[in-house]
PDB file of all heavy atoms in Angstrom:
ATOM      1  N   ALA A   1      -2.128  -1.967  -6.067  1.00  0.00           N
ATOM      2  CA  ALA A   1      -2.780  -2.391  -4.825  1.00  0.00           C
ATOM      3  C   ALA A   1      -2.780  -1.234  -3.840  1.00  0.00           C
ATOM      4  O   ALA A   1      -1.897  -0.370  -3.871  1.00  0.00           O
ATOM      5  CB  ALA A   1      -2.055  -3.585  -4.211  1.00  0.00           C
ATOM      6  N   THR A   2      -3.789  -1.218  -2.973  1.00  0.00           N
ATOM      7  CA  THR A   2      -3.855  -0.231  -1.900  1.00  0.00           C
ATOM      8  C   THR A   2      -4.203  -0.924  -0.586  1.00  0.00           C
ATOM      9  O   THR A   2      -4.792  -2.019  -0.574  1.00  0.00           O
ATOM     10  CB  THR A   2      -4.906   0.858  -2.174  1.00  0.00           C
ATOM     11  OG1 THR A   2      -6.193   0.242  -2.302  1.00  0.00           O
ATOM     12  CG2 THR A   2      -4.581   1.650  -3.422  1.00  0.00           C
ATOM     13  N   ILE A   3      -3.846  -0.244   0.495  1.00  0.00           N
ATOM     14  CA  ILE A   3      -4.203  -0.729   1.832  1.00  0.00           C
ATOM     15  C   ILE A   3      -4.560   0.475   2.684  1.00  0.00           C
ATOM     16  O   ILE A   3      -3.846   1.482   2.689  1.00  0.00           O
ATOM     17  CB  ILE A   3      -3.061  -1.563   2.455  1.00  0.00           C
ATOM     18  CG1 ILE A   3      -3.490  -2.167   3.797  1.00  0.00           C
ATOM     19  CG2 ILE A   3      -1.775  -0.742   2.585  1.00  0.00           C
ATOM     20  CD1 ILE A   3      -2.548  -3.252   4.305  1.00  0.00           C
ATOM     21  N   THR A   4      -5.682   0.379   3.397  1.00  0.00           N
ATOM     22  CA  THR A   4      -6.129   1.492   4.232  1.00  0.00           C
ATOM     23  C   THR A   4      -5.481   1.408   5.609  1.00  0.00           C
ATOM     24  O   THR A   4      -4.843   0.408   5.962  1.00  0.00           O
ATOM     25  CB  THR A   4      -7.647   1.476   4.396  1.00  0.00           C
ATOM     26  OG1 THR A   4      -8.009   0.335   5.198  1.00  0.00           O
ATOM     27  CG2 THR A   4      -8.356   1.394   3.057  1.00  0.00           C
ATOM     28  N   SER A   5      -5.709   2.475   6.388  1.00  0.00           N
ATOM     29  CA  SER A   5      -5.175   2.486   7.752  1.00  0.00           C
ATOM     30  C   SER A   5      -5.796   1.375   8.594  1.00  0.00           C
ATOM     31  O   SER A   5      -5.197   0.906   9.562  1.00  0.00           O
ATOM     32  CB  SER A   5      -5.419   3.847   8.393  1.00  0.00           C
ATOM     33  OG  SER A   5      -6.809   4.178   8.353  1.00  0.00           O
ATOM     34  N   GLY A   6      -6.987   0.926   8.184  1.00  0.00           N
ATOM     35  CA  GLY A   6      -7.648  -0.167   8.903  1.00  0.00           C
ATOM     36  C   GLY A   6      -7.281  -1.544   8.420  1.00  0.00           C
ATOM     37  O   GLY A   6      -7.739  -2.551   8.955  1.00  0.00           O
ATOM     38  N   GLY A   7      -6.467  -1.591   7.350  1.00  0.00           N
ATOM     39  CA  GLY A   7      -6.009  -2.867   6.840  1.00  0.00           C
ATOM     40  C   GLY A   7      -6.793  -3.431   5.667  1.00  0.00           C
ATOM     41  O   GLY A   7      -6.479  -4.518   5.182  1.00  0.00           O
ATOM     42  N   SER A   8      -7.792  -2.699   5.184  1.00  0.00           N
ATOM     43  CA  SER A   8      -8.528  -3.173   4.022  1.00  0.00           C
ATOM     44  C   SER A   8      -7.675  -3.036   2.770  1.00  0.00           C
ATOM     45  O   SER A   8      -6.973  -2.037   2.597  1.00  0.00           O
ATOM     46  CB  SER A   8      -9.814  -2.365   3.853  1.00  0.00           C
ATOM     47  OG  SER A   8     -10.666  -2.553   4.955  1.00  0.00           O
ATOM     48  N   THR A   9      -7.747  -4.049   1.914  1.00  0.00           N
ATOM     49  CA  THR A   9      -6.897  -4.060   0.717  1.00  0.00           C
ATOM     50  C   THR A   9      -7.741  -4.071  -0.555  1.00  0.00           C
ATOM     51  O   THR A   9      -8.892  -4.504  -0.563  1.00  0.00           O
ATOM     52  CB  THR A   9      -5.970  -5.276   0.716  1.00  0.00           C
ATOM     53  OG1 THR A   9      -6.779  -6.472   0.791  1.00  0.00           O
ATOM     54  CG2 THR A   9      -5.022  -5.240   1.894  1.00  0.00           C
ATOM     55  N   ASN A  10      -7.102  -3.604  -1.626  1.00  0.00           N
ATOM     56  CA  ASN A  10      -7.735  -3.579  -2.936  1.00  0.00           C
ATOM     57  C   ASN A  10      -6.651  -3.871  -3.966  1.00  0.00           C
ATOM     58  O   ASN A  10      -5.518  -3.376  -3.831  1.00  0.00           O
ATOM     59  CB  ASN A  10      -8.349  -2.215  -3.199  1.00  0.00           C
ATOM     60  CG  ASN A  10      -9.024  -2.132  -4.547  1.00  0.00           C
ATOM     61  OD1 ASN A  10      -9.908  -2.923  -4.859  1.00  0.00           O
ATOM     62  ND2 ASN A  10      -8.607  -1.183  -5.375  1.00  0.00           N
ATOM     63  N   TYR A  11      -6.993  -4.673  -4.978  1.00  0.00           N
ATOM     64  CA  TYR A  11      -6.001  -5.084  -5.970  1.00  0.00           C
ATOM     65  C   TYR A  11      -6.537  -4.888  -7.381  1.00  0.00           C
ATOM     66  O   TYR A  11      -7.734  -5.050  -7.644  1.00  0.00           O
ATOM     67  CB  TYR A  11      -5.641  -6.554  -5.803  1.00  0.00           C
ATOM     68  CG  TYR A  11      -4.970  -6.886  -4.488  1.00  0.00           C
ATOM     69  CD1 TYR A  11      -5.703  -7.292  -3.389  1.00  0.00           C
ATOM     70  CD2 TYR A  11      -3.582  -6.777  -4.348  1.00  0.00           C
ATOM     71  CE1 TYR A  11      -5.103  -7.587  -2.189  1.00  0.00           C
ATOM     72  CE2 TYR A  11      -2.964  -7.077  -3.151  1.00  0.00           C
ATOM     73  CZ  TYR A  11      -3.727  -7.473  -2.076  1.00  0.00           C
ATOM     74  OH  TYR A  11      -3.113  -7.764  -0.878  1.00  0.00           O
ATOM     75  N   ALA A  12      -5.638  -4.596  -8.294  1.00  0.00           N
ATOM     76  CA  ALA A  12      -5.979  -4.629  -9.702  1.00  0.00           C
ATOM     77  C   ALA A  12      -6.267  -6.075 -10.083  1.00  0.00           C
ATOM     78  O   ALA A  12      -5.661  -7.009  -9.553  1.00  0.00           O
ATOM     79  CB  ALA A  12      -4.816  -4.098 -10.539  1.00  0.00           C
ATOM     80  N   ASP A  13      -7.198  -6.251 -11.007  1.00  0.00           N
ATOM     81  CA  ASP A  13      -7.571  -7.611 -11.423  1.00  0.00           C
ATOM     82  C   ASP A  13      -6.362  -8.390 -11.930  1.00  0.00           C
ATOM     83  O   ASP A  13      -6.263  -9.602 -11.733  1.00  0.00           O
ATOM     84  CB  ASP A  13      -8.639  -7.554 -12.505  1.00  0.00           C
ATOM     85  CG  ASP A  13      -9.997  -7.132 -11.974  1.00  0.00           C
ATOM     86  OD1 ASP A  13     -10.200  -7.192 -10.739  1.00  0.00           O
ATOM     87  OD2 ASP A  13     -10.853  -6.739 -12.780  1.00  0.00           O
ATOM     88  N   SER A  14      -5.445  -7.704 -12.557  1.00  0.00           N
ATOM     89  CA  SER A  14      -4.299  -8.362 -13.182  1.00  0.00           C
ATOM     90  C   SER A  14      -3.328  -8.968 -12.176  1.00  0.00           C
ATOM     91  O   SER A  14      -2.506  -9.806 -12.533  1.00  0.00           O
ATOM     92  CB  SER A  14      -3.548  -7.383 -14.082  1.00  0.00           C
ATOM     93  OG  SER A  14      -3.098  -6.269 -13.335  1.00  0.00           O
ATOM     94  N   VAL A  15      -3.418  -8.553 -10.901  1.00  0.00           N
ATOM     95  CA  VAL A  15      -2.478  -9.060  -9.906  1.00  0.00           C
ATOM     96  C   VAL A  15      -3.154  -9.836  -8.786  1.00  0.00           C
ATOM     97  O   VAL A  15      -2.474 -10.377  -7.901  1.00  0.00           O
ATOM     98  CB  VAL A  15      -1.633  -7.917  -9.299  1.00  0.00           C
ATOM     99  CG1 VAL A  15      -0.949  -7.110 -10.405  1.00  0.00           C
ATOM    100  CG2 VAL A  15      -2.459  -7.002  -8.401  1.00  0.00           C
ATOM    101  N   LYS A  16      -4.479  -9.896  -8.789  1.00  0.00           N
ATOM    102  CA  LYS A  16      -5.195 -10.604  -7.736  1.00  0.00           C
ATOM    103  C   LYS A  16      -4.751 -12.050  -7.660  1.00  0.00           C
ATOM    104  O   LYS A  16      -4.621 -12.728  -8.681  1.00  0.00           O
ATOM    105  CB  LYS A  16      -6.705 -10.546  -7.991  1.00  0.00           C
ATOM    106  CG  LYS A  16      -7.358  -9.239  -7.584  1.00  0.00           C
ATOM    107  CD  LYS A  16      -8.865  -9.270  -7.827  1.00  0.00           C
ATOM    108  CE  LYS A  16      -9.494  -7.933  -7.433  1.00  0.00           C
ATOM    109  NZ  LYS A  16     -10.949  -7.915  -7.748  1.00  0.00           N
ATOM    110  N   GLY A  17      -4.517 -12.505  -6.440  1.00  0.00           N
ATOM    111  CA  GLY A  17      -4.079 -13.881  -6.233  1.00  0.00           C
ATOM    112  C   GLY A  17      -2.581 -14.085  -6.371  1.00  0.00           C
ATOM    113  O   GLY A  17      -2.067 -15.157  -6.025  1.00  0.00           O
ATOM    114  N   ARG A  18      -1.868 -13.059  -6.874  1.00  0.00           N
ATOM    115  CA  ARG A  18      -0.415 -13.172  -7.041  1.00  0.00           C
ATOM    116  C   ARG A  18       0.335 -12.177  -6.159  1.00  0.00           C
ATOM    117  O   ARG A  18       1.434 -12.493  -5.687  1.00  0.00           O
ATOM    118  CB  ARG A  18      -0.037 -12.932  -8.502  1.00  0.00           C
ATOM    119  CG  ARG A  18      -0.656 -13.903  -9.482  1.00  0.00           C
ATOM    120  CD  ARG A  18      -0.078 -13.722 -10.881  1.00  0.00           C
ATOM    121  NE  ARG A  18      -0.354 -12.406 -11.442  1.00  0.00           N
ATOM    122  CZ  ARG A  18       0.592 -11.571 -11.865  1.00  0.00           C
ATOM    123  NH1 ARG A  18       1.866 -11.911 -11.790  1.00  0.00           N
ATOM    124  NH2 ARG A  18       0.265 -10.390 -12.377  1.00  0.00           N
ATOM    125  N   PHE A  19      -0.219 -11.002  -5.959  1.00  0.00           N
ATOM    126  CA  PHE A  19       0.443  -9.955  -5.177  1.00  0.00           C
ATOM    127  C   PHE A  19      -0.276  -9.772  -3.844  1.00  0.00           C
ATOM    128  O   PHE A  19      -1.502  -9.929  -3.753  1.00  0.00           O
ATOM    129  CB  PHE A  19       0.421  -8.624  -5.925  1.00  0.00           C
ATOM    130  CG  PHE A  19       1.276  -8.566  -7.157  1.00  0.00           C
ATOM    131  CD1 PHE A  19       1.878  -9.684  -7.701  1.00  0.00           C
ATOM    132  CD2 PHE A  19       1.491  -7.341  -7.784  1.00  0.00           C
ATOM    133  CE1 PHE A  19       2.666  -9.614  -8.840  1.00  0.00           C
ATOM    134  CE2 PHE A  19       2.274  -7.241  -8.929  1.00  0.00           C
ATOM    135  CZ  PHE A  19       2.847  -8.385  -9.459  1.00  0.00           C
ATOM    136  N   THR A  20       0.494  -9.400  -2.820  1.00  0.00           N
ATOM    137  CA  THR A  20      -0.079  -9.111  -1.511  1.00  0.00           C
ATOM    138  C   THR A  20       0.537  -7.833  -0.967  1.00  0.00           C
ATOM    139  O   THR A  20       1.765  -7.722  -0.872  1.00  0.00           O
ATOM    140  CB  THR A  20       0.184 -10.250  -0.519  1.00  0.00           C
ATOM    141  OG1 THR A  20      -0.366 -11.470  -1.035  1.00  0.00           O
ATOM    142  CG2 THR A  20      -0.471  -9.957   0.825  1.00  0.00           C
ATOM    143  N   ILE A  21      -0.322  -6.889  -0.595  1.00  0.00           N
ATOM    144  CA  ILE A  21       0.147  -5.654   0.014  1.00  0.00           C
ATOM    145  C   ILE A  21      -0.041  -5.744   1.526  1.00  0.00           C
ATOM    146  O   ILE A  21      -1.010  -6.338   2.003  1.00  0.00           O
ATOM    147  CB  ILE A  21      -0.615  -4.425  -0.548  1.00  0.00           C
ATOM    148  CG1 ILE A  21       0.012  -3.124  -0.050  1.00  0.00           C
ATOM    149  CG2 ILE A  21      -2.099  -4.490  -0.226  1.00  0.00           C
ATOM    150  CD1 ILE A  21      -0.553  -1.869  -0.733  1.00  0.00           C
ATOM    151  N   SER A  22       0.911  -5.193   2.263  1.00  0.00           N
ATOM    152  CA  SER A  22       0.813  -5.186   3.716  1.00  0.00           C
ATOM    153  C   SER A  22       1.504  -3.929   4.250  1.00  0.00           C
ATOM    154  O   SER A  22       2.282  -3.291   3.532  1.00  0.00           O
ATOM    155  CB  SER A  22       1.449  -6.440   4.321  1.00  0.00           C
ATOM    156  OG  SER A  22       2.824  -6.522   3.989  1.00  0.00           O
ATOM    157  N   ARG A  23       1.191  -3.570   5.482  1.00  0.00           N
ATOM    158  CA  ARG A  23       1.826  -2.404   6.080  1.00  0.00           C
ATOM    159  C   ARG A  23       2.233  -2.730   7.506  1.00  0.00           C
ATOM    160  O   ARG A  23       1.517  -3.436   8.216  1.00  0.00           O
ATOM    161  CB  ARG A  23       0.911  -1.178   6.031  1.00  0.00           C
ATOM    162  CG  ARG A  23      -0.401  -1.290   6.775  1.00  0.00           C
ATOM    163  CD  ARG A  23      -1.359  -0.158   6.412  1.00  0.00           C
ATOM    164  NE  ARG A  23      -0.971   1.131   6.974  1.00  0.00           N
ATOM    165  CZ  ARG A  23      -1.537   2.286   6.632  1.00  0.00           C
ATOM    166  NH1 ARG A  23      -2.488   2.317   5.714  1.00  0.00           N
ATOM    167  NH2 ARG A  23      -1.140   3.420   7.188  1.00  0.00           N
ATOM    168  N   ASP A  24       3.378  -2.200   7.904  1.00  0.00           N
ATOM    169  CA  ASP A  24       3.876  -2.347   9.259  1.00  0.00           C
ATOM    170  C   ASP A  24       4.002  -0.937   9.816  1.00  0.00           C
ATOM    171  O   ASP A  24       5.000  -0.250   9.571  1.00  0.00           O
ATOM    172  CB  ASP A  24       5.224  -3.076   9.257  1.00  0.00           C
ATOM    173  CG  ASP A  24       5.725  -3.387  10.653  1.00  0.00           C
ATOM    174  OD1 ASP A  24       5.328  -2.674  11.606  1.00  0.00           O
ATOM    175  OD2 ASP A  24       6.522  -4.323  10.794  1.00  0.00           O
ATOM    176  N   ASN A  25       3.000  -0.510  10.550  1.00  0.00           N
ATOM    177  CA  ASN A  25       2.996   0.862  11.070  1.00  0.00           C
ATOM    178  C   ASN A  25       4.162   1.115  12.019  1.00  0.00           C
ATOM    179  O   ASN A  25       4.679   2.235  12.078  1.00  0.00           O
ATOM    180  CB  ASN A  25       1.667   1.167  11.760  1.00  0.00           C
ATOM    181  CG  ASN A  25       0.500   1.258  10.777  1.00  0.00           C
ATOM    182  OD1 ASN A  25       0.701   1.512   9.577  1.00  0.00           O
ATOM    183  ND2 ASN A  25      -0.699   1.054  11.265  1.00  0.00           N
TER     184      ASN A  25
END
């Protein structure tokens, strides 16, 4: 998974719906 500085996220198909990425600047 990735998360941009603007908060947009991207996930591998294998983890979609199960994993969540987040960032606390």
